[in-house]
């Protein structure tokens, strides 16, 4: 457990240092715009809005087990991209390249005809690889894009990708909810993992799509 939290600390420290040069720094007058864009999916606290204004990515991950046989998950991630949505999505819409963007994504494929996006997440902290399959169009402009995982470990997970213009910037976010059979991953580890992956993942995607 000590090694686990050391890894999280190092991940946050390294990622913060490498991302700082591409962060936005918005005036307080943007707070209502950000809140309005995210409100249909999640209501950020005052502190979380302040973080978003400073270019930080916020990530909220919660996992609990309402019964011995059932586990449920909630994830919300959001950040402000320094470019407009059209420019940001030029690279972010290339789903088949995600295994090149993030180390914990081992494979990634996309079927243009069926809009099926499939990828495998594997990490030393996980007891087994997570295979995820869902349908989503190539997102090239602003909008709300609902999706559902059709198979794999998180089968029937429902979510929405948020891509919204805000002046010359782009608000990016993702909300996901899942309820299913109890997994072998303890609630605390599972919740911390998805929250960490959500934060580091969006920070990395913002960084690589800056230019």
Protein backbone atom coordinates (compact mmCIF):
# COMPACT_ATOMS: atom_id res chain seq x y z
CA UNK A 1 0.00 0.00 0.00
CA UNK A 2 2.88 2.38 0.78
CA UNK A 3 4.34 1.76 -2.70
CA UNK A 4 0.93 2.43 -4.23
CA UNK A 5 0.60 5.89 -2.69
CA UNK A 6 4.26 6.69 -3.48
CA UNK A 7 3.47 5.95 -7.13
CA UNK A 8 0.46 8.30 -7.01
CA UNK A 9 2.54 11.07 -5.47
CA UNK A 10 5.28 10.76 -8.09
CA UNK A 11 2.74 10.58 -10.91
CA UNK A 12 1.07 13.82 -9.83
CA UNK A 13 4.41 15.57 -9.26
CA UNK A 14 5.92 14.59 -12.60
CA UNK A 15 2.73 15.34 -14.52
CA UNK A 16 2.22 18.75 -12.93
CA UNK A 17 5.76 19.80 -13.86
CA UNK A 18 5.43 18.75 -17.49
CA UNK A 19 1.99 20.30 -17.98
CA UNK A 20 2.58 23.71 -16.43
CA UNK A 21 3.83 25.39 -19.59
CA UNK A 22 0.56 24.67 -21.44
CA UNK A 23 -1.92 25.64 -18.75
CA UNK A 24 -4.51 28.35 -19.15
CA UNK A 25 -4.80 31.06 -16.51
CA UNK A 26 -8.30 32.47 -16.75
CA UNK A 27 -9.72 35.52 -14.97
CA UNK A 28 -12.38 34.99 -12.31
CA UNK A 29 -15.02 36.29 -14.74
CA UNK A 30 -14.94 32.90 -16.49
CA UNK A 31 -16.21 31.08 -13.39
CA UNK A 32 -19.90 31.29 -14.35
CA UNK A 33 -19.22 30.14 -17.92
CA UNK A 34 -17.35 27.07 -16.70
CA UNK A 35 -20.00 26.30 -14.10
CA UNK A 36 -22.80 26.62 -16.66
CA UNK A 37 -21.05 24.28 -19.12
CA UNK A 38 -20.53 21.56 -16.50
CA UNK A 39 -23.74 21.96 -14.48
CA UNK A 40 -25.82 19.46 -16.53
CA UNK A 41 -23.36 16.73 -15.47
CA UNK A 42 -21.65 17.80 -12.26
CA UNK A 43 -21.67 20.86 -9.99
CA UNK A 44 -18.06 21.80 -9.18
CA UNK A 45 -17.31 23.34 -5.81
CA UNK A 46 -15.91 26.85 -5.55
CA UNK A 47 -12.44 25.40 -5.02
CA UNK A 48 -12.76 23.14 -8.07
CA UNK A 49 -13.82 26.11 -10.22
CA UNK A 50 -10.74 27.99 -8.99
CA UNK A 51 -8.58 25.02 -9.99
CA UNK A 52 -10.13 24.96 -13.48
CA UNK A 53 -9.50 28.69 -13.88
CA UNK A 54 -5.81 28.03 -13.08
CA UNK A 55 -5.62 25.35 -15.75
CA UNK A 56 -5.81 22.38 -13.40
CA UNK A 57 -7.70 19.21 -14.30
CA UNK A 58 -10.24 18.15 -11.68
CA UNK A 59 -11.07 14.48 -11.21
CA UNK A 60 -13.64 12.93 -8.88
CA UNK A 61 -13.74 9.14 -8.65
CA UNK A 62 -15.93 7.20 -6.25
CA UNK A 63 -16.46 3.45 -5.92
CA UNK A 64 -18.56 1.64 -3.31
CA UNK A 65 -20.28 -1.69 -2.82
CA UNK A 66 -23.98 -1.35 -1.84
CA UNK A 67 -24.10 -5.13 -1.37
CA UNK A 68 -21.57 -8.00 -1.27
CA UNK A 69 -22.35 -8.89 -4.90
CA UNK A 70 -22.59 -5.38 -6.39
CA UNK A 71 -20.08 -2.60 -7.04
CA UNK A 72 -20.77 0.87 -8.42
CA UNK A 73 -18.61 3.65 -9.78
CA UNK A 74 -18.84 7.37 -10.51
CA UNK A 75 -16.22 9.37 -12.40
CA UNK A 76 -16.15 13.01 -13.44
CA UNK A 77 -13.13 14.64 -15.07
CA UNK A 78 -12.86 18.15 -16.53
CA UNK A 79 -10.28 20.66 -17.71
CA UNK A 80 -9.90 23.71 -19.94
CA UNK A 81 -7.89 23.29 -23.13
CA UNK A 82 -5.75 26.30 -24.17
CA UNK A 83 -6.98 25.96 -27.77
CA UNK A 84 -10.47 25.99 -29.29
CA UNK A 85 -12.37 22.72 -29.62
CA UNK A 86 -11.72 22.24 -33.35
CA UNK A 87 -7.96 22.47 -32.84
CA UNK A 88 -8.01 20.38 -29.67
CA UNK A 89 -9.97 17.55 -31.29
CA UNK A 90 -7.73 17.23 -34.35
CA UNK A 91 -5.51 14.90 -32.38
CA UNK A 92 -7.86 13.78 -29.63
CA UNK A 93 -10.31 12.31 -32.18
CA UNK A 94 -7.64 9.86 -33.41
CA UNK A 95 -8.79 7.14 -31.01
CA UNK A 96 -6.76 4.42 -32.71
CA UNK A 97 -3.60 6.25 -31.59
CA UNK A 98 -4.41 6.38 -27.89
CA UNK A 99 -2.00 3.54 -27.13
CA UNK A 100 0.72 5.91 -28.39
CA UNK A 101 -0.51 8.74 -26.19
CA UNK A 102 -0.74 7.00 -22.79
CA UNK A 103 1.44 4.26 -21.32
CA UNK A 104 -1.41 2.52 -19.47
CA UNK A 105 -3.38 2.07 -22.73
CA UNK A 106 -1.78 -1.03 -24.25
CA UNK A 107 -3.94 -1.40 -27.38
CA UNK A 108 -6.45 0.89 -29.11
CA UNK A 109 -8.50 0.35 -32.26
CA UNK A 110 -11.33 2.23 -33.95
CA UNK A 111 -13.80 1.02 -36.58
CA UNK A 112 -14.90 3.94 -38.75
CA UNK A 113 -18.02 2.14 -40.03
CA UNK A 114 -19.40 0.99 -36.68
CA UNK A 115 -17.90 3.79 -34.54
CA UNK A 116 -16.58 1.07 -32.22
CA UNK A 117 -13.66 2.16 -30.03
CA UNK A 118 -11.83 -0.64 -28.23
CA UNK A 119 -8.85 -0.35 -25.91
CA UNK A 120 -7.04 -2.28 -23.20
CA UNK A 121 -5.87 -0.70 -19.93
CA UNK A 122 -3.13 -2.51 -18.05
CA UNK A 123 -1.06 -1.37 -15.12
CA UNK A 124 0.96 -2.85 -12.28
CA UNK A 125 -1.71 -1.60 -9.85
CA UNK A 126 -4.46 -3.63 -11.54
CA UNK A 127 -4.96 -7.35 -10.87
CA UNK A 128 -5.95 -7.90 -14.52
CA UNK A 129 -6.12 -5.94 -17.81
CA UNK A 130 -9.34 -4.00 -18.44
CA UNK A 131 -10.76 -4.43 -21.95
CA UNK A 132 -13.23 -1.68 -22.88
CA UNK A 133 -15.48 -1.51 -25.94
CA UNK A 134 -17.95 1.25 -26.78
CA UNK A 135 -19.37 3.22 -29.68
CA UNK A 136 -18.55 6.88 -30.16
CA UNK A 137 -18.23 9.02 -33.30
CA UNK A 138 -15.06 10.89 -34.10
CA UNK A 139 -15.55 14.06 -32.10
CA UNK A 140 -14.28 16.99 -34.14
CA UNK A 141 -16.38 19.85 -32.80
CA UNK A 142 -18.19 20.96 -29.66
CA UNK A 143 -21.16 19.09 -28.30
CA UNK A 144 -22.29 16.44 -25.81
CA UNK A 145 -21.58 12.85 -26.83
CA UNK A 146 -23.27 10.04 -24.86
CA UNK A 147 -21.74 6.55 -24.94
CA UNK A 148 -22.18 3.12 -23.38
CA UNK A 149 -19.67 0.32 -22.85
CA UNK A 150 -21.05 -2.70 -24.71
CA UNK A 151 -18.75 -5.39 -23.32
CA UNK A 152 -15.74 -5.99 -21.13
CA UNK A 153 -15.08 -5.43 -17.44
CA UNK A 154 -17.25 -2.29 -17.22
CA UNK A 155 -20.08 -3.57 -19.43
CA UNK A 156 -23.14 -1.26 -19.39
CA UNK A 157 -21.17 1.74 -18.12
CA UNK A 158 -22.90 4.89 -19.36
CA UNK A 159 -21.23 8.21 -19.87
CA UNK A 160 -21.01 11.49 -21.71
CA UNK A 161 -18.04 13.25 -23.28
CA UNK A 162 -18.24 17.04 -22.94
CA UNK A 163 -16.63 19.26 -25.59
CA UNK A 164 -17.77 22.88 -25.29
CA UNK A 165 -16.35 26.12 -26.69
CA UNK A 166 -15.71 28.91 -24.21
CA UNK A 167 -14.35 31.88 -26.08
CA UNK A 168 -11.03 30.82 -27.60
CA UNK A 169 -10.78 27.89 -25.17
CA UNK A 170 -12.39 24.46 -24.99
CA UNK A 171 -13.94 22.87 -21.91
CA UNK A 172 -13.29 19.11 -21.98
CA UNK A 173 -14.95 16.68 -19.63
CA UNK A 174 -16.24 13.19 -19.07
CA UNK A 175 -18.90 11.81 -16.76
CA UNK A 176 -19.35 8.06 -16.28
CA UNK A 177 -21.60 5.90 -14.10
CA UNK A 178 -21.46 2.14 -13.70
CA UNK A 179 -23.12 -0.50 -11.56
CA UNK A 180 -22.34 -4.17 -11.97
CA UNK A 181 -21.08 -7.40 -10.44
CA UNK A 182 -18.54 -7.04 -7.64
CA UNK A 183 -15.02 -7.08 -9.06
CA UNK A 184 -11.80 -8.35 -7.49
CA UNK A 185 -10.60 -4.76 -7.05
CA UNK A 186 -11.26 -3.27 -3.57
CA UNK A 187 -13.39 -0.11 -3.56
CA UNK A 188 -10.63 2.17 -2.28
CA UNK A 189 -8.05 0.96 -4.81
CA UNK A 190 -10.58 1.04 -7.65
CA UNK A 191 -11.78 4.56 -6.80
CA UNK A 192 -8.28 5.96 -6.36
CA UNK A 193 -7.16 4.34 -9.60
CA UNK A 194 -9.96 5.73 -11.80
CA UNK A 195 -9.61 9.19 -10.24
CA UNK A 196 -5.85 9.17 -10.83
CA UNK A 197 -6.10 7.78 -14.36
CA UNK A 198 -8.83 10.30 -15.16
CA UNK A 199 -6.72 13.23 -14.02
CA UNK A 200 -3.42 12.11 -15.52
CA UNK A 201 -5.13 10.98 -18.72
CA UNK A 202 -6.85 14.31 -19.44
CA UNK A 203 -3.76 16.29 -18.45
CA UNK A 204 -1.72 14.24 -20.88
CA UNK A 205 -4.29 14.55 -23.68
CA UNK A 206 -4.37 18.34 -23.25
CA UNK A 207 -0.59 18.46 -23.38
CA UNK A 208 -0.14 16.33 -26.51
CA UNK A 209 -2.88 18.19 -28.42
CA UNK A 210 -1.56 21.66 -27.59
CA UNK A 211 0.21 22.07 -30.93
